[in-house]
Amino acid sequence: MPTTPASVTHLIEELSELPGIGRKTAARLTFFLLRNRTDLVERLASALRDLKEQTRFCSTCYNVTESDPCPICADAGRDRSVICVVEEPLDVLAVEQAGVYKGVYHVLHGVLAPSEGMFVENLRIKELLNRIGGSGVSEVILATNPTSEGDWTASYLLSRLRPLGVRVTRLGRGLPVGGDLEYADAVTLTRALEGREDL
């Protein structure tokens, strides 16, 4: 009875750990790479190596970057009095693609989700509070996703930010409930930013 080579099985197992990749998709990707006659495998391996060796988190906003501070934090033209708080680095990319926001960011790296092991201490909340204290920040935009976890995280942040005397706003509900910022188009994000509300 023929067996699958260990190297093939190993790659299928590794790929299936990626989000959104099930075992069948992992197997399809593995056999595509196996059949590919170009240098795709080498380029993919090089890109993965570069990702691990050259990227880090910005020490100011915690976005993914190759330089510290990141290009957004280093940009003197950005409005440092407004901080947009997002869940993940992909959300920064989504807001930036809309092209209307000119402030800076703070990336939490998740949301409060105790059932998934995500608690206050797992997020970059302490760093956000330290950043706001005495820094000239006048507004914090809570741009967490419109999900129950995103709303819970925003409520918790509101309770911690109010005593600091900053204006706290939330993106307008032009975003669909249960959706993610990374999938929103530029027009929807623009309307959400313009329609943000005080909390």
Protein backbone atom coordinates (compact mmCIF):
# COMPACT_ATOMS: atom_id res chain seq x y z
CA MET A 1 0.00 0.00 0.00
CA PRO A 2 1.63 3.30 -1.08
CA THR A 3 2.34 5.88 1.58
CA THR A 4 2.85 9.61 1.32
CA PRO A 5 6.49 10.67 1.72
CA ALA A 6 7.27 12.13 5.14
CA SER A 7 8.38 15.47 3.63
CA VAL A 8 5.02 15.87 1.87
CA THR A 9 3.07 14.97 5.00
CA HIS A 10 5.21 17.36 7.05
CA LEU A 11 4.48 20.33 4.74
CA ILE A 12 0.76 19.52 4.68
CA GLU A 13 0.72 19.50 8.49
CA GLU A 14 2.60 22.82 8.70
CA LEU A 15 0.43 24.57 6.10
CA SER A 16 -2.78 23.35 7.75
CA GLU A 17 -1.83 25.32 10.89
CA LEU A 18 -2.27 28.59 8.99
CA PRO A 19 -5.59 30.41 9.53
CA GLY A 20 -8.18 29.58 6.88
CA ILE A 21 -6.15 26.65 5.54
CA GLY A 22 -7.73 23.26 6.10
CA ARG A 23 -6.04 19.94 5.45
CA LYS A 24 -7.40 19.64 1.88
CA THR A 25 -6.21 23.13 0.92
CA ALA A 26 -2.84 22.40 2.56
CA ALA A 27 -2.54 19.23 0.49
CA ARG A 28 -3.46 21.12 -2.71
CA LEU A 29 -0.84 23.78 -1.96
CA THR A 30 1.79 21.15 -1.17
CA PHE A 31 1.26 19.27 -4.43
CA PHE A 32 1.18 22.55 -6.38
CA LEU A 33 4.59 23.44 -4.92
CA LEU A 34 5.85 19.94 -5.62
CA ARG A 35 4.82 20.14 -9.30
CA ASN A 36 5.99 23.73 -9.79
CA ARG A 37 9.02 23.83 -12.07
CA THR A 38 9.96 27.45 -11.40
CA ASP A 39 11.95 28.78 -8.48
CA LEU A 40 8.72 29.49 -6.55
CA VAL A 41 9.70 27.20 -3.66
CA GLU A 42 13.03 29.00 -3.20
CA ARG A 43 11.38 32.44 -3.45
CA LEU A 44 8.71 31.42 -0.93
CA ALA A 45 11.34 30.08 1.47
CA SER A 46 13.34 33.30 1.08
CA ALA A 47 10.26 35.46 1.70
CA LEU A 48 9.42 33.49 4.86
CA ARG A 49 13.01 33.80 6.10
CA ASP A 50 12.99 37.56 5.43
CA LEU A 51 9.67 37.88 7.26
CA LYS A 52 11.14 36.36 10.42
CA GLU A 53 14.56 38.02 10.21
CA GLN A 54 13.68 41.55 9.07
CA THR A 55 10.33 42.40 10.67
CA ARG A 56 9.62 43.54 14.21
CA PHE A 57 7.01 45.56 16.07
CA CYS A 58 7.29 49.34 16.22
CA SER A 59 8.17 50.34 19.78
CA THR A 60 5.65 53.19 19.60
CA CYS A 61 2.50 51.82 17.92
CA TYR A 62 3.27 48.07 17.72
CA ASN A 63 2.58 47.87 14.00
CA VAL A 64 4.71 45.47 11.96
CA THR A 65 7.77 47.21 10.54
CA GLU A 66 11.32 46.75 9.31
CA SER A 67 12.50 49.97 10.97
CA ASP A 68 11.86 51.37 14.44
CA PRO A 69 9.96 53.61 14.67
CA CYS A 70 7.74 52.52 11.79
CA PRO A 71 7.32 54.87 8.79
CA ILE A 72 3.95 56.14 10.09
CA CYS A 73 5.30 57.00 13.55
CA ALA A 74 8.40 58.56 11.96
CA ASP A 75 6.33 60.74 9.60
CA ALA A 76 6.44 64.32 10.96
CA GLY A 77 3.38 65.17 8.87
CA ARG A 78 1.09 62.85 10.84
CA ASP A 79 -1.24 64.31 13.48
CA ARG A 80 0.09 62.88 16.76
CA SER A 81 -2.84 64.29 18.74
CA VAL A 82 -5.14 61.58 17.31
CA ILE A 83 -4.54 57.87 17.87
CA CYS A 84 -6.58 55.24 16.02
CA VAL A 85 -6.65 52.01 18.05
CA VAL A 86 -6.97 48.87 15.93
CA GLU A 87 -6.93 45.15 16.63
CA GLU A 88 -4.29 43.96 14.15
CA PRO A 89 -1.63 45.29 11.74
CA LEU A 90 -3.91 44.37 8.81
CA ASP A 91 -6.37 46.96 10.12
CA VAL A 92 -3.72 49.70 9.81
CA LEU A 93 -3.27 48.72 6.18
CA ALA A 94 -7.04 48.86 5.59
CA VAL A 95 -7.41 52.33 7.13
CA GLU A 96 -4.33 53.63 5.31
CA GLN A 97 -5.69 52.42 1.96
CA ALA A 98 -8.79 54.54 2.52
CA GLY A 99 -6.42 57.54 2.38
CA VAL A 100 -8.39 59.85 4.69
CA TYR A 101 -6.87 59.30 8.13
CA LYS A 102 -3.81 61.43 8.95
CA GLY A 103 -3.26 60.58 12.62
CA VAL A 104 -1.19 57.78 14.16
CA TYR A 105 -2.09 54.26 15.29
CA HIS A 106 -1.90 51.86 18.18
CA VAL A 107 -2.15 48.12 17.46
CA LEU A 108 -3.59 45.98 20.28
CA HIS A 109 -2.68 42.61 18.70
CA GLY A 110 -6.06 41.07 19.45
CA VAL A 111 -9.25 41.65 21.42
CA LEU A 112 -10.53 40.61 24.81
CA ALA A 113 -11.68 37.01 24.37
CA PRO A 114 -11.22 35.02 27.60
CA SER A 115 -12.56 31.83 25.96
CA GLU A 116 -9.60 32.03 23.56
CA GLY A 117 -7.09 32.96 26.26
CA MET A 118 -6.98 36.67 25.35
CA PHE A 119 -7.02 38.82 28.48
CA VAL A 120 -6.06 42.45 29.21
CA GLU A 121 -2.46 41.48 29.87
CA ASN A 122 -2.20 39.80 26.43
CA LEU A 123 -3.01 43.03 24.58
CA ARG A 124 -1.01 46.26 24.20
CA ILE A 125 -3.42 48.15 26.46
CA LYS A 126 -0.88 49.17 29.11
CA GLU A 127 1.37 50.56 26.39
CA LEU A 128 -1.56 52.58 24.99
CA LEU A 129 -2.35 54.09 28.39
CA ASN A 130 1.32 54.93 28.97
CA ARG A 131 1.50 56.51 25.53
CA ILE A 132 -1.49 58.77 26.15
CA GLY A 133 -0.48 59.98 29.60
CA GLY A 134 0.94 63.50 29.20
CA SER A 135 1.65 63.15 25.48
CA GLY A 136 -0.63 65.79 23.96
CA VAL A 137 -3.13 63.25 22.64
CA SER A 138 -6.56 64.87 22.33
CA GLU A 139 -8.57 62.05 20.70
CA VAL A 140 -8.50 58.27 20.68
CA ILE A 141 -10.52 56.56 17.94
CA LEU A 142 -11.56 53.06 18.95
CA ALA A 143 -11.52 51.18 15.64
CA THR A 144 -12.03 47.67 16.94
CA ASN A 145 -14.14 45.45 14.72
CA PRO A 146 -17.93 45.54 15.18
CA THR A 147 -18.07 42.11 16.83
CA SER A 148 -19.01 41.19 20.41
CA GLU A 149 -15.30 40.88 21.30
CA GLY A 150 -14.46 44.15 19.54
CA ASP A 151 -17.29 45.94 21.34
CA TRP A 152 -16.25 44.46 24.69
CA THR A 153 -12.66 45.57 24.10
CA ALA A 154 -13.83 49.07 23.13
CA SER A 155 -15.98 49.29 26.30
CA TYR A 156 -13.03 48.25 28.45
CA LEU A 157 -10.76 50.79 26.74
CA LEU A 158 -13.37 53.51 27.23
CA SER A 159 -13.44 52.83 30.98
CA ARG A 160 -9.64 53.17 31.10
CA LEU A 161 -9.39 56.20 28.79
CA ARG A 162 -12.12 58.43 30.25
CA PRO A 163 -10.12 59.27 33.42
CA LEU A 164 -7.25 60.47 31.21
CA GLY A 165 -9.35 63.35 29.87
CA VAL A 166 -9.06 62.51 26.17
CA ARG A 167 -11.93 62.53 23.70
CA VAL A 168 -12.85 58.93 22.90
CA THR A 169 -14.67 58.19 19.66
CA ARG A 170 -15.77 55.04 17.89
CA LEU A 171 -15.96 54.48 14.15
CA GLY A 172 -19.40 55.15 12.72
CA ARG A 173 -21.45 52.06 12.06
CA GLY A 174 -20.98 52.16 8.32
CA LEU A 175 -19.08 48.96 8.97
CA PRO A 176 -21.16 45.78 8.96
CA VAL A 177 -21.67 44.19 12.36
CA GLY A 178 -19.52 41.09 12.62
CA GLY A 179 -17.19 42.28 9.84
CA ASP A 180 -13.45 42.94 9.92
CA LEU A 181 -11.73 46.23 9.03
CA GLU A 182 -9.31 44.45 6.71
CA TYR A 183 -12.21 43.51 4.38
CA ALA A 184 -13.87 46.94 4.31
CA ASP A 185 -13.57 49.01 1.15
CA ALA A 186 -12.18 52.55 1.11
CA VAL A 187 -15.60 54.24 0.83
CA THR A 188 -17.00 52.32 3.82
CA LEU A 189 -13.92 53.11 5.91
CA THR A 190 -14.05 56.77 4.91
CA ARG A 191 -17.69 57.02 6.00
CA ALA A 192 -16.93 55.17 9.23
CA LEU A 193 -14.06 57.54 10.05
CA GLU A 194 -16.10 60.62 9.21
CA GLY A 195 -19.11 59.32 11.16
CA ARG A 196 -17.24 58.43 14.31
CA GLU A 197 -19.10 59.16 17.52
CA ASP A 198 -18.11 60.32 20.99
CA LEU A 199 -18.31 57.62 23.62
